[in-house]
Amino acid sequence: MTPQASPIVRAMVLRELEEGVKHDALWLQALSESKLDPTQTKLRYIALRSQAIQSNMKGLLIEQIRGAVAKDKQIR
């Protein structure tokens, strides 16, 4: 059993969907696993994307910190 994604991760996935961002490989996997059922595809995509973000959270945080530091250096 996979641990449930954190609230931050779920919010990130929701924001992506609201902005129309879909990761093609995960969307195709969700389509395949849901047998093209639109509701099931979306639910499966959300689960897959949440897992992907959760497993890469450390890398995403480092990326955000580096971006903030670079931006801060430009301001000074």
C-alpha atoms as a PDB file:
ATOM      1  CA  MET A   1       0.000   0.000   0.000  1.00  0.00           C
ATOM      2  CA  THR A   2       1.337   3.437  -0.975  1.00  0.00           C
ATOM      3  CA  PRO A   3       1.195   6.235   1.584  1.00  0.00           C
ATOM      4  CA  GLN A   4      -1.312   8.962   0.803  1.00  0.00           C
ATOM      5  CA  ALA A   5       0.136  12.044  -0.852  1.00  0.00           C
ATOM      6  CA  SER A   6       0.617  15.079   1.338  1.00  0.00           C
ATOM      7  CA  PRO A   7      -1.841  17.997   1.137  1.00  0.00           C
ATOM      8  CA  ILE A   8       0.845  20.057  -0.609  1.00  0.00           C
ATOM      9  CA  VAL A   9       1.240  17.411  -3.308  1.00  0.00           C
ATOM     10  CA  ARG A  10      -2.518  17.129  -3.817  1.00  0.00           C
ATOM     11  CA  ALA A  11      -2.731  20.924  -4.136  1.00  0.00           C
ATOM     12  CA  MET A  12       0.065  20.882  -6.724  1.00  0.00           C
ATOM     13  CA  VAL A  13      -1.757  18.275  -8.813  1.00  0.00           C
ATOM     14  CA  LEU A  14      -5.019  20.214  -8.566  1.00  0.00           C
ATOM     15  CA  ARG A  15      -3.277  23.421  -9.661  1.00  0.00           C
ATOM     16  CA  GLU A  16      -1.701  21.636 -12.633  1.00  0.00           C
ATOM     17  CA  LEU A  17      -5.070  20.296 -13.735  1.00  0.00           C
ATOM     18  CA  GLU A  18      -6.712  23.720 -13.341  1.00  0.00           C
ATOM     19  CA  GLU A  19      -3.968  25.168 -15.576  1.00  0.00           C
ATOM     20  CA  GLY A  20      -4.486  22.415 -18.159  1.00  0.00           C
ATOM     21  CA  VAL A  21      -1.110  20.776 -17.517  1.00  0.00           C
ATOM     22  CA  LYS A  22      -1.047  17.021 -18.105  1.00  0.00           C
ATOM     23  CA  HIS A  23       2.036  14.852 -18.283  1.00  0.00           C
ATOM     24  CA  ASP A  24       1.548  12.774 -21.418  1.00  0.00           C
ATOM     25  CA  ALA A  25       3.186   9.558 -20.239  1.00  0.00           C
ATOM     26  CA  LEU A  26       1.144   9.488 -17.034  1.00  0.00           C
ATOM     27  CA  TRP A  27      -2.051  10.455 -18.876  1.00  0.00           C
ATOM     28  CA  LEU A  28      -1.564   7.616 -21.359  1.00  0.00           C
ATOM     29  CA  GLN A  29      -0.912   5.193 -18.517  1.00  0.00           C
ATOM     30  CA  ALA A  30      -4.080   6.382 -16.783  1.00  0.00           C
ATOM     31  CA  LEU A  31      -6.079   6.015 -20.012  1.00  0.00           C
ATOM     32  CA  SER A  32      -4.795   2.497 -20.483  1.00  0.00           C
ATOM     33  CA  GLU A  33      -5.434   1.414 -16.905  1.00  0.00           C
ATOM     34  CA  SER A  34      -8.940   2.912 -16.852  1.00  0.00           C
ATOM     35  CA  LYS A  35      -9.973   1.423 -20.202  1.00  0.00           C
ATOM     36  CA  LEU A  36     -10.680   4.942 -21.542  1.00  0.00           C
ATOM     37  CA  ASP A  37     -13.344   5.745 -18.926  1.00  0.00           C
ATOM     38  CA  PRO A  38     -13.020   9.562 -18.523  1.00  0.00           C
ATOM     39  CA  THR A  39     -13.790   9.709 -14.796  1.00  0.00           C
ATOM     40  CA  GLN A  40     -11.570   6.757 -13.942  1.00  0.00           C
ATOM     41  CA  THR A  41      -8.805   8.155 -16.168  1.00  0.00           C
ATOM     42  CA  LYS A  42      -8.789  11.445 -14.276  1.00  0.00           C
ATOM     43  CA  LEU A  43      -8.805   9.696 -10.896  1.00  0.00           C
ATOM     44  CA  ARG A  44      -5.983   7.375 -11.936  1.00  0.00           C
ATOM     45  CA  TYR A  45      -3.982  10.276 -13.386  1.00  0.00           C
ATOM     46  CA  ILE A  46      -4.308  12.191 -10.116  1.00  0.00           C
ATOM     47  CA  ALA A  47      -3.034   9.165  -8.195  1.00  0.00           C
ATOM     48  CA  LEU A  48      -0.137   8.594 -10.603  1.00  0.00           C
ATOM     49  CA  ARG A  49       0.879  12.265 -10.685  1.00  0.00           C
ATOM     50  CA  SER A  50       0.653  12.524  -6.902  1.00  0.00           C
ATOM     51  CA  GLN A  51       2.935   9.498  -6.552  1.00  0.00           C
ATOM     52  CA  ALA A  52       5.410  10.986  -9.028  1.00  0.00           C
ATOM     53  CA  ILE A  53       5.546  14.323  -7.246  1.00  0.00           C
ATOM     54  CA  GLN A  54       5.719  12.729  -3.799  1.00  0.00           C
ATOM     55  CA  SER A  55       8.653  10.532  -4.811  1.00  0.00           C
ATOM     56  CA  ASN A  56      10.468  13.528  -6.300  1.00  0.00           C
ATOM     57  CA  MET A  57       9.635  16.017  -3.536  1.00  0.00           C
ATOM     58  CA  LYS A  58      13.238  16.428  -2.384  1.00  0.00           C
ATOM     59  CA  GLY A  59      14.390  17.250  -5.909  1.00  0.00           C
ATOM     60  CA  LEU A  60      11.528  19.707  -6.399  1.00  0.00           C
ATOM     61  CA  LEU A  61      12.337  21.489  -3.147  1.00  0.00           C
ATOM     62  CA  ILE A  62      16.007  21.787  -4.080  1.00  0.00           C
ATOM     63  CA  GLU A  63      14.995  23.182  -7.479  1.00  0.00           C
ATOM     64  CA  GLN A  64      12.730  25.767  -5.832  1.00  0.00           C
ATOM     65  CA  ILE A  65      15.440  26.806  -3.374  1.00  0.00           C
ATOM     66  CA  ARG A  66      18.027  27.173  -6.144  1.00  0.00           C
ATOM     67  CA  GLY A  67      15.603  29.289  -8.158  1.00  0.00           C
ATOM     68  CA  ALA A  68      14.888  31.522  -5.170  1.00  0.00           C
ATOM     69  CA  VAL A  69      18.603  31.942  -4.428  1.00  0.00           C
ATOM     70  CA  ALA A  70      19.336  32.811  -8.061  1.00  0.00           C
ATOM     71  CA  LYS A  71      16.501  35.327  -8.096  1.00  0.00           C
ATOM     72  CA  ASP A  72      17.740  36.837  -4.835  1.00  0.00           C
ATOM     73  CA  LYS A  73      21.252  37.226  -6.280  1.00  0.00           C
ATOM     74  CA  GLN A  74      19.824  39.078  -9.311  1.00  0.00           C
ATOM     75  CA  ILE A  75      17.962  41.526  -7.066  1.00  0.00           C
ATOM     76  CA  ARG A  76      21.080  42.413  -5.057  1.00  0.00           C
END
